[in-house]
N, C-alpha and C. Protein backbone atom coordinates (compact mmCIF):
# COMPACT_ATOMS: atom_id res chain seq x y z
N MET A 1 -6.98 9.78 26.71
CA MET A 1 -6.83 8.94 26.02
C MET A 1 -5.51 9.23 25.26
N THR A 2 -4.34 7.56 25.48
CA THR A 2 -2.81 7.91 25.13
C THR A 2 -3.10 8.19 23.93
N ALA A 3 -1.96 8.94 23.50
CA ALA A 3 -1.30 8.91 21.80
C ALA A 3 -1.22 7.61 21.27
N ALA A 4 -0.83 6.53 22.29
CA ALA A 4 -1.50 5.12 21.01
C ALA A 4 -2.39 4.68 21.19
N LEU A 5 -3.67 5.49 21.98
CA LEU A 5 -4.82 5.03 21.27
C LEU A 5 -5.86 5.75 20.71
N ASN A 6 -5.27 6.59 20.43
CA ASN A 6 -6.33 7.79 19.50
C ASN A 6 -6.81 7.08 18.61
N ILE A 7 -8.06 7.92 17.93
CA ILE A 7 -8.26 7.68 16.54
C ILE A 7 -7.73 7.09 15.54
N PRO A 8 -7.00 7.78 15.13
CA PRO A 8 -6.21 8.19 14.06
C PRO A 8 -5.19 6.08 13.69
N ASN A 9 -5.15 6.85 15.12
CA ASN A 9 -4.03 4.99 14.69
C ASN A 9 -4.70 3.85 15.73
N SER A 10 -6.35 3.98 15.86
CA SER A 10 -7.20 3.28 15.91
C SER A 10 -7.00 2.58 15.15
N LEU A 11 -7.63 3.02 14.22
CA LEU A 11 -8.28 3.29 12.53
C LEU A 11 -7.11 2.66 11.92
N THR A 12 -5.64 2.59 12.07
CA THR A 12 -4.56 1.68 11.56
C THR A 12 -3.93 0.66 11.88
N LEU A 13 -5.00 0.26 13.55
CA LEU A 13 -4.73 -0.74 14.28
C LEU A 13 -6.00 -1.82 13.03
N LEU A 14 -7.19 -1.41 13.13
CA LEU A 14 -8.52 -2.10 12.95
C LEU A 14 -7.68 -2.40 11.30
N ARG A 15 -7.03 -1.63 10.53
CA ARG A 15 -5.99 -1.69 9.19
C ARG A 15 -5.77 -3.52 9.32
N ILE A 16 -4.91 -3.30 10.23
CA ILE A 16 -3.73 -4.02 10.55
C ILE A 16 -4.78 -5.53 10.81
N VAL A 17 -5.92 -5.53 11.74
CA VAL A 17 -6.75 -6.37 12.35
C VAL A 17 -7.46 -6.92 10.83
N LEU A 18 -8.09 -6.02 10.05
CA LEU A 18 -8.69 -6.87 8.67
C LEU A 18 -8.07 -7.23 7.65
N ILE A 19 -6.48 -7.32 8.12
CA ILE A 19 -5.72 -8.48 7.05
C ILE A 19 -6.26 -9.84 6.84
N PRO A 20 -6.33 -10.32 8.34
CA PRO A 20 -6.81 -11.92 8.21
C PRO A 20 -8.51 -12.38 8.19
N VAL A 21 -8.79 -10.71 8.68
CA VAL A 21 -10.74 -11.04 7.91
C VAL A 21 -10.52 -10.86 5.82
N PHE A 22 -10.39 -10.26 5.81
CA PHE A 22 -9.61 -10.52 4.72
C PHE A 22 -9.34 -11.93 3.97
N VAL A 23 -8.67 -11.98 4.84
CA VAL A 23 -7.69 -13.72 4.04
C VAL A 23 -9.08 -15.13 3.99
N VAL A 24 -9.20 -15.08 5.18
CA VAL A 24 -10.53 -15.58 5.61
C VAL A 24 -11.51 -15.62 4.63
N VAL A 25 -12.36 -14.41 4.36
CA VAL A 25 -13.22 -13.69 3.43
C VAL A 25 -12.96 -14.03 1.95
N PHE A 26 -11.89 -13.91 1.98
CA PHE A 26 -11.30 -14.40 0.37
C PHE A 26 -11.68 -15.97 0.26
N TYR A 27 -11.58 -17.09 1.00
CA TYR A 27 -11.42 -17.86 1.15
C TYR A 27 -13.34 -18.80 1.29
N LEU A 28 -14.06 -17.86 2.01
CA LEU A 28 -14.88 -18.41 1.52
C LEU A 28 -15.49 -19.13 0.61
N PRO A 29 -15.72 -20.24 0.80
CA PRO A 29 -16.83 -20.81 -0.30
C PRO A 29 -18.24 -20.78 -0.96
N VAL A 30 -18.60 -18.85 -0.85
CA VAL A 30 -19.90 -18.36 -0.95
C VAL A 30 -19.26 -17.59 -1.89
N PRO A 31 -21.01 -17.55 -3.38
CA PRO A 31 -20.61 -16.82 -4.31
C PRO A 31 -20.17 -15.06 -4.27
N TRP A 32 -20.72 -15.14 -2.97
CA TRP A 32 -20.51 -13.53 -2.57
C TRP A 32 -19.14 -12.93 -1.69
N ALA A 33 -18.27 -14.07 -1.86
CA ALA A 33 -16.49 -13.35 -1.34
C ALA A 33 -16.51 -12.70 -1.57
N HIS A 34 -16.23 -12.50 -3.57
CA HIS A 34 -15.58 -11.30 -4.21
C HIS A 34 -16.04 -10.34 -3.50
N LEU A 35 -17.02 -10.31 -3.74
CA LEU A 35 -17.65 -9.01 -2.92
C LEU A 35 -17.57 -8.36 -1.88
N ALA A 36 -17.42 -9.34 -0.77
CA ALA A 36 -17.24 -9.07 0.16
C ALA A 36 -15.21 -8.48 0.69
N THR A 37 -15.10 -9.32 -0.36
CA THR A 37 -13.48 -9.44 0.38
C THR A 37 -13.23 -7.82 -0.85
N ALA A 38 -14.00 -7.66 -1.58
CA ALA A 38 -14.02 -6.19 -1.94
C ALA A 38 -14.67 -5.01 -1.18
N ALA A 39 -15.12 -5.83 -0.36
CA ALA A 39 -16.05 -4.23 0.18
C ALA A 39 -15.04 -4.36 2.10
N VAL A 40 -14.38 -5.78 2.62
CA VAL A 40 -12.84 -5.25 3.03
C VAL A 40 -11.89 -4.65 3.08
N PHE A 41 -11.31 -4.68 2.00
CA PHE A 41 -10.23 -3.92 1.04
C PHE A 41 -10.57 -2.82 0.77
N GLY A 42 -12.08 -2.44 0.36
CA GLY A 42 -12.37 -1.15 0.80
C GLY A 42 -12.26 -0.69 1.59
N LEU A 43 -12.83 -1.12 2.98
CA LEU A 43 -12.69 -0.15 4.35
C LEU A 43 -11.66 0.24 4.55
N ALA A 44 -10.33 -0.97 4.10
CA ALA A 44 -8.95 -0.53 4.45
C ALA A 44 -8.42 0.31 4.32
N ALA A 45 -8.92 1.01 2.98
CA ALA A 45 -8.27 1.80 1.90
C ALA A 45 -9.43 3.15 2.41
N LEU A 46 -10.26 3.44 3.15
CA LEU A 46 -10.55 4.32 3.35
C LEU A 46 -10.07 4.36 4.97
N THR A 47 -10.11 3.46 5.75
CA THR A 47 -8.89 4.57 7.04
C THR A 47 -8.35 4.23 6.26
N ASP A 48 -7.48 4.23 5.11
CA ASP A 48 -6.16 4.95 4.98
C ASP A 48 -6.09 6.23 5.27
N TRP A 49 -7.02 6.77 3.88
CA TRP A 49 -6.82 8.29 3.64
C TRP A 49 -8.18 8.70 4.98
N LEU A 50 -8.41 8.09 5.56
CA LEU A 50 -8.96 8.60 7.12
C LEU A 50 -8.08 8.76 8.21
N ASP A 51 -7.20 8.01 8.71
CA ASP A 51 -6.62 7.81 9.66
C ASP A 51 -5.33 9.26 9.68
N GLY A 52 -4.67 9.44 8.75
CA GLY A 52 -4.05 10.42 8.31
C GLY A 52 -4.86 11.27 8.63
N TRP A 53 -5.43 11.88 7.55
CA TRP A 53 -6.78 13.12 7.92
C TRP A 53 -7.38 13.57 9.08
N LEU A 54 -7.39 12.53 9.62
CA LEU A 54 -7.63 12.81 11.53
C LEU A 54 -6.63 13.05 12.13
N ALA A 55 -5.50 12.56 12.03
CA ALA A 55 -4.49 13.18 12.58
C ALA A 55 -4.12 14.35 12.51
N ARG A 56 -4.32 14.99 11.49
CA ARG A 56 -3.74 15.82 10.73
C ARG A 56 -4.73 16.89 11.16
N ARG A 57 -5.85 16.86 11.50
CA ARG A 57 -7.16 17.64 11.68
C ARG A 57 -7.64 18.02 13.72
N LEU A 58 -7.33 16.37 13.99
CA LEU A 58 -6.91 16.76 15.64
C LEU A 58 -5.91 16.35 16.27
N GLY A 59 -5.12 16.75 15.69
CA GLY A 59 -3.20 17.73 15.97
C GLY A 59 -3.55 16.06 16.88
N GLN A 60 -3.69 14.67 16.46
CA GLN A 60 -3.12 13.27 17.06
C GLN A 60 -2.29 12.64 16.06
N MET A 61 -1.47 13.29 16.07
CA MET A 61 -0.04 12.74 14.98
C MET A 61 1.12 11.89 16.20
N SER A 62 1.94 11.15 15.85
CA SER A 62 2.85 10.38 17.09
C SER A 62 3.02 9.25 15.77
N ALA A 63 4.13 9.37 16.72
CA ALA A 63 5.26 8.42 16.15
C ALA A 63 4.49 7.26 15.91
N LEU A 64 4.03 5.82 16.74
CA LEU A 64 3.70 5.10 16.79
C LEU A 64 2.93 4.83 15.14
N GLY A 65 1.94 6.36 15.42
CA GLY A 65 0.92 6.66 13.96
C GLY A 65 1.81 6.33 12.61
N ALA A 66 2.58 7.36 12.74
CA ALA A 66 4.01 7.28 11.81
C ALA A 66 4.99 6.09 11.19
N PHE A 67 4.81 5.22 12.38
CA PHE A 67 5.72 3.95 11.40
C PHE A 67 4.65 2.85 11.84
N LEU A 68 2.80 2.81 12.65
CA LEU A 68 2.18 1.93 12.00
C LEU A 68 1.57 1.74 10.89
N ASP A 69 1.49 2.93 10.61
CA ASP A 69 0.45 3.55 9.05
C ASP A 69 1.21 3.26 8.37
N PRO A 70 2.10 3.35 7.57
CA PRO A 70 3.05 2.88 6.52
C PRO A 70 3.43 1.21 6.31
N VAL A 71 2.95 0.46 7.52
CA VAL A 71 3.34 -0.71 7.60
C VAL A 71 2.02 -1.68 7.33
N ALA A 72 1.01 -1.17 7.83
CA ALA A 72 -0.74 -1.68 7.99
C ALA A 72 -0.78 -1.71 6.26
N ASP A 73 -0.84 -0.22 5.75
CA ASP A 73 -0.10 -0.15 4.20
C ASP A 73 0.16 -0.87 3.10
N LYS A 74 1.47 -1.57 3.72
CA LYS A 74 1.98 -2.62 2.82
C LYS A 74 2.01 -3.54 3.37
N LEU A 75 1.59 -4.68 4.17
CA LEU A 75 1.11 -5.04 4.53
C LEU A 75 0.17 -5.84 3.71
N MET A 76 -0.86 -4.92 4.20
CA MET A 76 -2.69 -5.30 3.02
C MET A 76 -1.92 -5.41 1.88
N VAL A 77 -1.38 -4.38 1.15
CA VAL A 77 -1.31 -4.54 -0.35
C VAL A 77 -1.14 -5.57 -0.63
N ALA A 78 0.17 -5.78 -0.33
CA ALA A 78 0.96 -6.98 -0.17
C ALA A 78 -0.04 -8.74 0.15
N VAL A 79 -0.50 -8.91 0.50
CA VAL A 79 -1.66 -9.98 0.60
C VAL A 79 -2.42 -10.08 -0.64
N VAL A 80 -3.45 -9.17 -0.46
CA VAL A 80 -4.03 -8.55 -1.65
C VAL A 80 -2.98 -9.29 -3.07
N LEU A 81 -2.24 -8.47 -3.25
CA LEU A 81 -1.41 -8.86 -4.25
C LEU A 81 -1.17 -9.96 -4.83
N VAL A 82 -0.73 -10.74 -3.67
CA VAL A 82 -0.65 -12.24 -3.37
C VAL A 82 -1.41 -13.41 -3.66
N LEU A 83 -2.32 -12.86 -2.87
CA LEU A 83 -3.85 -13.91 -3.34
C LEU A 83 -4.46 -13.70 -4.43
N LEU A 84 -3.95 -12.59 -5.09
CA LEU A 84 -5.26 -12.46 -6.25
C LEU A 84 -3.97 -13.37 -6.93
N VAL A 85 -2.49 -13.19 -7.29
CA VAL A 85 -1.53 -13.96 -8.35
C VAL A 85 -2.55 -15.24 -7.96
N GLN A 86 -2.51 -16.01 -6.42
CA GLN A 86 -2.72 -16.90 -6.67
C GLN A 86 -4.27 -17.53 -7.20
N LYS A 87 -4.81 -16.40 -6.99
CA LYS A 87 -5.88 -16.82 -7.66
C LYS A 87 -6.16 -17.30 -9.24
N HIS A 88 -5.28 -15.93 -9.68
CA HIS A 88 -5.29 -15.82 -11.46
C HIS A 88 -3.77 -15.98 -11.26
N PRO A 89 -3.07 -17.07 -11.68
CA PRO A 89 -1.56 -17.23 -11.68
C PRO A 89 -1.16 -17.42 -13.05
N THR A 90 -1.01 -15.82 -13.62
CA THR A 90 -0.71 -15.84 -14.81
C THR A 90 0.77 -14.84 -14.44
N PRO A 91 2.21 -14.91 -15.51
CA PRO A 91 2.15 -13.75 -15.53
C PRO A 91 2.08 -11.87 -15.59
N TRP A 92 0.68 -12.30 -15.88
CA TRP A 92 0.69 -10.52 -16.36
C TRP A 92 0.21 -9.94 -15.42
N LEU A 93 -0.17 -11.28 -14.43
CA LEU A 93 -0.76 -9.90 -13.36
C LEU A 93 0.75 -10.57 -11.80
N ALA A 94 1.56 -11.54 -12.38
CA ALA A 94 2.28 -11.81 -11.52
C ALA A 94 3.78 -10.68 -11.21
N VAL A 95 4.26 -10.02 -12.19
CA VAL A 95 4.56 -9.26 -13.18
C VAL A 95 4.17 -7.60 -11.88
N PRO A 96 3.34 -7.07 -12.43
CA PRO A 96 2.86 -6.10 -11.26
C PRO A 96 2.79 -6.55 -10.31
N ALA A 97 2.25 -7.25 -9.74
CA ALA A 97 2.41 -7.96 -8.60
C ALA A 97 3.56 -7.41 -7.73
N ALA A 98 4.04 -8.03 -8.18
CA ALA A 98 5.82 -8.19 -7.97
C ALA A 98 6.33 -6.91 -8.34
N VAL A 99 6.84 -6.46 -9.50
CA VAL A 99 7.17 -4.58 -8.74
C VAL A 99 6.44 -4.05 -7.80
N ILE A 100 5.16 -4.27 -7.80
CA ILE A 100 4.95 -3.46 -6.54
C ILE A 100 4.77 -3.71 -5.24
N ILE A 101 5.33 -4.89 -4.91
CA ILE A 101 5.74 -5.50 -3.46
C ILE A 101 7.32 -4.94 -3.50
N GLY A 102 7.79 -5.44 -4.76
CA GLY A 102 8.82 -5.27 -4.44
C GLY A 102 9.86 -3.97 -4.44
N ARG A 103 9.06 -3.06 -4.87
CA ARG A 103 9.17 -1.27 -4.42
C ARG A 103 8.38 -1.08 -3.49
N GLU A 104 8.07 -1.54 -3.00
CA GLU A 104 7.62 -1.60 -1.32
C GLU A 104 8.56 -1.24 -0.32
N ILE A 105 9.31 -2.69 -0.22
CA ILE A 105 10.53 -3.33 0.01
C ILE A 105 11.46 -2.66 0.18
N THR A 106 11.77 -1.65 -1.32
CA THR A 106 12.91 -1.69 -1.48
C THR A 106 12.80 0.56 -0.41
N ILE A 107 11.51 0.90 -0.80
CA ILE A 107 11.54 2.74 -0.09
C ILE A 107 11.77 2.11 1.48
N SER A 108 10.45 1.28 1.58
CA SER A 108 10.38 1.15 3.24
C SER A 108 12.23 0.86 3.82
N ALA A 109 13.11 0.08 3.25
CA ALA A 109 15.02 -0.24 3.09
C ALA A 109 15.47 1.55 2.71
N LEU A 110 14.79 1.87 1.95
CA LEU A 110 15.72 3.09 1.69
C LEU A 110 15.02 4.54 2.84
N ARG A 111 14.26 4.61 2.73
CA ARG A 111 13.37 5.41 4.77
C ARG A 111 14.21 5.33 5.21
N GLU A 112 14.05 3.96 5.81
CA GLU A 112 15.19 2.90 6.99
C GLU A 112 16.32 4.09 7.24
N TRP A 113 16.92 4.02 5.91
CA TRP A 113 18.26 3.62 5.90
C TRP A 113 18.65 5.30 5.98
N MET A 114 17.73 6.33 5.12
CA MET A 114 17.90 8.09 5.19
C MET A 114 17.92 8.51 6.44
N ALA A 115 16.39 8.07 7.20
CA ALA A 115 16.34 8.27 9.01
C ALA A 115 17.45 8.00 9.28
N GLU A 116 18.22 7.05 9.70
CA GLU A 116 19.36 6.78 10.02
C GLU A 116 20.61 8.01 10.04
N ILE A 117 20.25 8.22 8.43
CA ILE A 117 21.72 9.15 8.76
C ILE A 117 20.75 10.26 8.45
N GLY A 118 19.73 10.85 9.25
CA GLY A 118 19.29 12.10 9.35
C GLY A 118 18.80 12.76 7.81
N GLU A 119 18.69 12.03 7.41
CA GLU A 119 18.47 12.68 5.78
C GLU A 119 16.74 12.36 5.37
N ARG A 120 15.58 12.03 5.76
CA ARG A 120 14.36 10.89 5.49
C ARG A 120 13.62 12.28 5.25
N LYS A 121 13.84 13.60 5.07
CA LYS A 121 13.20 14.84 4.17
C LYS A 121 13.11 13.94 3.12
N ARG A 122 14.84 14.02 2.66
CA ARG A 122 14.85 13.63 0.73
C ARG A 122 14.25 13.02 0.26
N VAL A 123 13.29 11.41 1.25
CA VAL A 123 12.66 10.64 0.29
C VAL A 123 10.98 10.12 1.07
N ALA A 124 10.88 12.09 1.85
CA ALA A 124 8.92 11.87 2.23
C ALA A 124 8.54 10.96 0.94
N VAL A 125 7.32 11.21 1.62
CA VAL A 125 6.15 10.70 0.40
C VAL A 125 5.62 11.84 -0.52
N SER A 126 5.79 11.95 -1.66
CA SER A 126 5.63 12.72 -2.79
C SER A 126 4.29 12.40 -2.99
N GLY A 127 3.39 13.66 -4.41
CA GLY A 127 2.26 14.09 -4.37
C GLY A 127 1.76 12.23 -5.56
N LEU A 128 2.89 12.62 -6.41
CA LEU A 128 2.83 11.47 -7.15
C LEU A 128 3.26 9.57 -6.51
N GLY A 129 3.13 9.82 -5.19
CA GLY A 129 3.35 8.84 -4.58
C GLY A 129 1.90 8.13 -3.75
N LYS A 130 1.38 9.58 -3.94
CA LYS A 130 -0.16 8.69 -3.45
C LYS A 130 -0.90 9.44 -4.70
N PHE A 131 -0.60 9.89 -5.28
CA PHE A 131 -1.65 9.14 -6.56
C PHE A 131 -1.39 7.82 -7.33
N LYS A 132 -0.24 7.35 -6.56
CA LYS A 132 -0.05 6.07 -7.30
C LYS A 132 -0.70 4.58 -6.59
N THR A 133 -0.64 5.66 -5.20
CA THR A 133 -1.68 4.33 -4.06
C THR A 133 -3.46 4.66 -4.13
N ILE A 134 -3.63 5.58 -4.88
CA ILE A 134 -4.88 5.26 -5.30
C ILE A 134 -5.18 4.86 -6.90
N ALA A 135 -4.38 4.26 -7.60
CA ALA A 135 -4.26 4.17 -8.55
C ALA A 135 -4.81 2.88 -8.55
N GLN A 136 -3.65 2.25 -7.41
CA GLN A 136 -3.99 1.09 -6.98
C GLN A 136 -4.52 0.66 -6.61
N MET A 137 -5.09 0.45 -4.65
CA MET A 137 -6.30 0.89 -4.14
C MET A 137 -7.59 1.34 -5.17
N VAL A 138 -7.71 1.23 -5.86
CA VAL A 138 -9.12 1.35 -7.29
C VAL A 138 -8.67 0.21 -7.77
N ALA A 139 -7.33 -0.01 -8.48
CA ALA A 139 -7.64 -1.34 -9.16
C ALA A 139 -7.31 -2.71 -7.86
N LEU A 140 -6.68 -2.74 -6.74
CA LEU A 140 -7.25 -3.86 -5.95
C LEU A 140 -8.90 -4.07 -6.29
N VAL A 141 -9.22 -2.93 -5.70
CA VAL A 141 -10.85 -3.14 -5.37
C VAL A 141 -11.50 -4.10 -6.58
N LEU A 142 -11.35 -3.44 -7.98
CA LEU A 142 -11.77 -4.28 -9.28
C LEU A 142 -11.87 -5.14 -9.58
N LEU A 143 -10.16 -5.63 -9.14
CA LEU A 143 -10.35 -6.97 -9.24
C LEU A 143 -10.20 -8.12 -8.30
N LEU A 144 -10.98 -7.29 -6.99
CA LEU A 144 -11.44 -8.60 -5.96
C LEU A 144 -12.96 -8.58 -6.39
N VAL A 145 -13.24 -7.07 -6.95
CA VAL A 145 -14.74 -7.11 -7.62
C VAL A 145 -14.76 -8.63 -8.39
N GLY A 146 -14.23 -8.35 -9.69
CA GLY A 146 -13.90 -9.68 -10.24
C GLY A 146 -15.19 -9.27 -11.30
N ASN A 147 -16.17 -9.84 -11.13
CA ASN A 147 -17.68 -10.10 -12.46
C ASN A 147 -17.80 -8.48 -12.55
N PRO A 148 -18.27 -8.34 -14.02
CA PRO A 148 -18.32 -7.51 -14.95
C PRO A 148 -19.81 -6.39 -13.07
N ILE A 149 -19.71 -5.08 -13.25
CA ILE A 149 -21.06 -4.42 -12.67
C ILE A 149 -22.09 -3.56 -13.21
N ALA A 150 -22.79 -4.29 -13.79
CA ALA A 150 -23.40 -3.67 -14.76
C ALA A 150 -22.84 -4.17 -16.87
N ALA A 151 -22.44 -2.96 -17.22
CA ALA A 151 -21.96 -2.97 -18.37
C ALA A 151 -20.54 -2.90 -18.24
N LEU A 152 -19.70 -2.56 -16.87
CA LEU A 152 -18.64 -2.12 -15.91
C LEU A 152 -17.88 -3.29 -16.36
N PRO A 153 -16.83 -3.58 -17.03
CA PRO A 153 -15.66 -4.26 -17.43
C PRO A 153 -15.15 -4.86 -15.70
N THR A 154 -14.96 -4.96 -14.71
CA THR A 154 -14.57 -4.56 -13.49
C THR A 154 -12.50 -5.05 -13.09
N TYR A 155 -13.36 -6.41 -13.96
CA TYR A 155 -10.83 -7.08 -13.87
C TYR A 155 -10.91 -6.14 -14.61
N GLU A 156 -10.87 -6.37 -16.06
CA GLU A 156 -10.28 -5.37 -17.30
C GLU A 156 -10.01 -4.28 -16.19
N LEU A 157 -10.51 -3.47 -16.60
CA LEU A 157 -10.78 -1.63 -15.85
C LEU A 157 -9.50 -2.38 -14.22
N GLY A 158 -9.23 -2.60 -13.41
CA GLY A 158 -8.51 -3.59 -12.65
C GLY A 158 -6.89 -3.47 -13.07
N PHE A 159 -7.01 -4.22 -14.08
CA PHE A 159 -6.15 -4.57 -15.11
C PHE A 159 -5.77 -3.82 -15.62
N VAL A 160 -6.12 -3.00 -16.11
CA VAL A 160 -5.29 -1.81 -16.97
C VAL A 160 -4.82 -1.13 -15.70
N LEU A 161 -5.84 -0.43 -14.64
CA LEU A 161 -5.31 -0.30 -13.53
C LEU A 161 -4.05 -0.40 -12.88
N LEU A 162 -3.70 -1.67 -12.19
CA LEU A 162 -2.88 -2.06 -11.99
C LEU A 162 -2.27 -1.72 -12.73
N TYR A 163 -1.41 -1.82 -14.37
CA TYR A 163 -0.51 -2.09 -15.12
C TYR A 163 -0.24 -0.30 -15.14
N VAL A 164 -1.11 0.81 -14.79
CA VAL A 164 -0.39 2.16 -13.82
C VAL A 164 0.02 2.00 -13.27
N ALA A 165 -0.99 1.82 -11.90
CA ALA A 165 -0.49 1.63 -10.76
C ALA A 165 1.31 1.16 -10.64
N ALA A 166 1.50 0.38 -11.60
CA ALA A 166 3.88 -0.22 -11.89
C ALA A 166 3.73 0.45 -11.72
N ILE A 167 3.44 1.31 -12.62
CA ILE A 167 4.34 2.43 -13.54
C ILE A 167 4.79 3.56 -12.70
N LEU A 168 3.88 3.60 -12.23
CA LEU A 168 4.04 4.81 -11.23
C LEU A 168 5.00 4.28 -10.18
N THR A 169 4.83 2.97 -9.46
CA THR A 169 5.57 2.25 -8.54
C THR A 169 6.82 2.94 -9.06
N ILE A 170 7.18 2.16 -10.29
CA ILE A 170 8.54 2.35 -10.66
C ILE A 170 9.22 3.74 -11.35
N TRP A 171 8.37 4.72 -11.35
CA TRP A 171 8.42 5.98 -11.13
C TRP A 171 9.12 6.89 -10.50
N SER A 172 7.99 6.40 -9.54
CA SER A 172 8.23 7.33 -7.60
C SER A 172 9.09 6.83 -7.28
N MET A 173 9.36 5.21 -7.49
CA MET A 173 11.14 4.72 -6.79
C MET A 173 11.57 5.28 -6.94
N THR A 174 11.86 5.64 -8.82
CA THR A 174 13.19 5.99 -9.43
C THR A 174 13.94 7.76 -8.89
N LEU A 175 12.15 8.11 -8.49
CA LEU A 175 12.66 9.71 -7.87
C LEU A 175 12.82 9.67 -6.91
N TYR A 176 12.63 8.75 -5.66
CA TYR A 176 13.00 8.28 -4.79
C TYR A 176 14.24 7.78 -4.71
N LEU A 177 14.90 7.43 -5.01
CA LEU A 177 16.24 6.83 -5.17
C LEU A 177 17.42 7.82 -5.79
N LEU A 178 16.52 8.63 -7.29
CA LEU A 178 18.02 9.94 -7.58
C LEU A 178 17.68 10.89 -6.17
N ALA A 179 16.33 10.77 -4.93
CA ALA A 179 16.90 12.04 -4.27
C ALA A 179 17.67 11.26 -3.23
N ALA A 180 17.76 10.28 -3.31
CA ALA A 180 18.54 9.94 -2.13
C ALA A 180 19.83 9.41 -2.93
N SER A 181 20.10 9.27 -4.41
CA SER A 181 21.06 9.28 -4.67
C SER A 181 23.18 9.58 -4.06
N PRO A 182 22.97 11.07 -3.79
CA PRO A 182 24.01 11.99 -3.69
C PRO A 182 24.07 11.65 -2.29
N LYS A 183 23.70 10.66 -1.44
CA LYS A 183 23.93 9.77 0.01
C LYS A 183 24.12 8.36 -0.59
N LEU A 184 23.87 7.92 -0.97
CA LEU A 184 23.48 6.09 -1.71
C LEU A 184 25.53 6.45 -2.38
N VAL A 185 25.75 7.48 -3.18
CA VAL A 185 27.11 6.88 -3.30
C VAL A 185 28.66 7.78 -2.72
N GLU A 186 27.97 8.33 -1.42
CA GLU A 186 28.85 8.79 -0.66
C GLU A 186 29.98 7.38 0.00
N LYS A 187 30.95 7.37 0.39
CA LYS A 187 32.26 7.39 0.87
C LYS A 187 31.63 6.64 2.16
N SER A 188 32.08 6.04 2.42
CA SER A 188 31.03 5.77 4.46
C SER A 188 32.44 4.99 4.68
N ASN A 189 32.42 5.83 6.26
CA ASN A 189 33.63 4.93 7.24
C ASN A 189 33.32 3.44 7.64
N ILE A 190 32.30 2.93 7.19
CA ILE A 190 31.55 2.10 7.95
C ILE A 190 32.00 0.54 7.35
N ASN A 191 32.49 -0.19 8.19
CA ASN A 191 33.29 -1.76 7.22
C ASN A 191 31.73 -2.58 7.00
N GLN A 192 31.80 -3.09 5.55
CA GLN A 192 31.19 -3.22 4.96
C GLN A 192 31.28 -5.10 5.16
């Protein structure tokens, strides 16, 4: 099995393939669509954890996996947030969605730039970033479920957790920017 087709990379590719599946299921005109979308997203979130764990456990870390994993995560989360805002068009949902998507774009660009100058380790994934991801994934599953389960107000809990994730998003972005700030304020010989 080549590095490109190993198990962790296959799980990451599955997560990308699940994006159009998620969109189709989201728009199905059936009463169980919200549960199915939550299940599809939950499966994608599980593969996010599993591919990294397997890559380390099996010694199958690769450049392709390092590239694709964050791309797959960000694509799925952005699609889910956009569709949730489209379904519930309120500023109360749009603001944390915009914060989360904006942070992902900002940090991706920052990491790319830091890698170009050989300083990628300054903005490596932190424990806070992982905690933010967990809060975000649980929030999105609960928002997708929407309807209460037994006495559990899933949508309301998801909404609160989305704000927790947005706050952690801003906090972690600030820490990454502070870590990169010495390089960001250096004078450059590059003509702008």
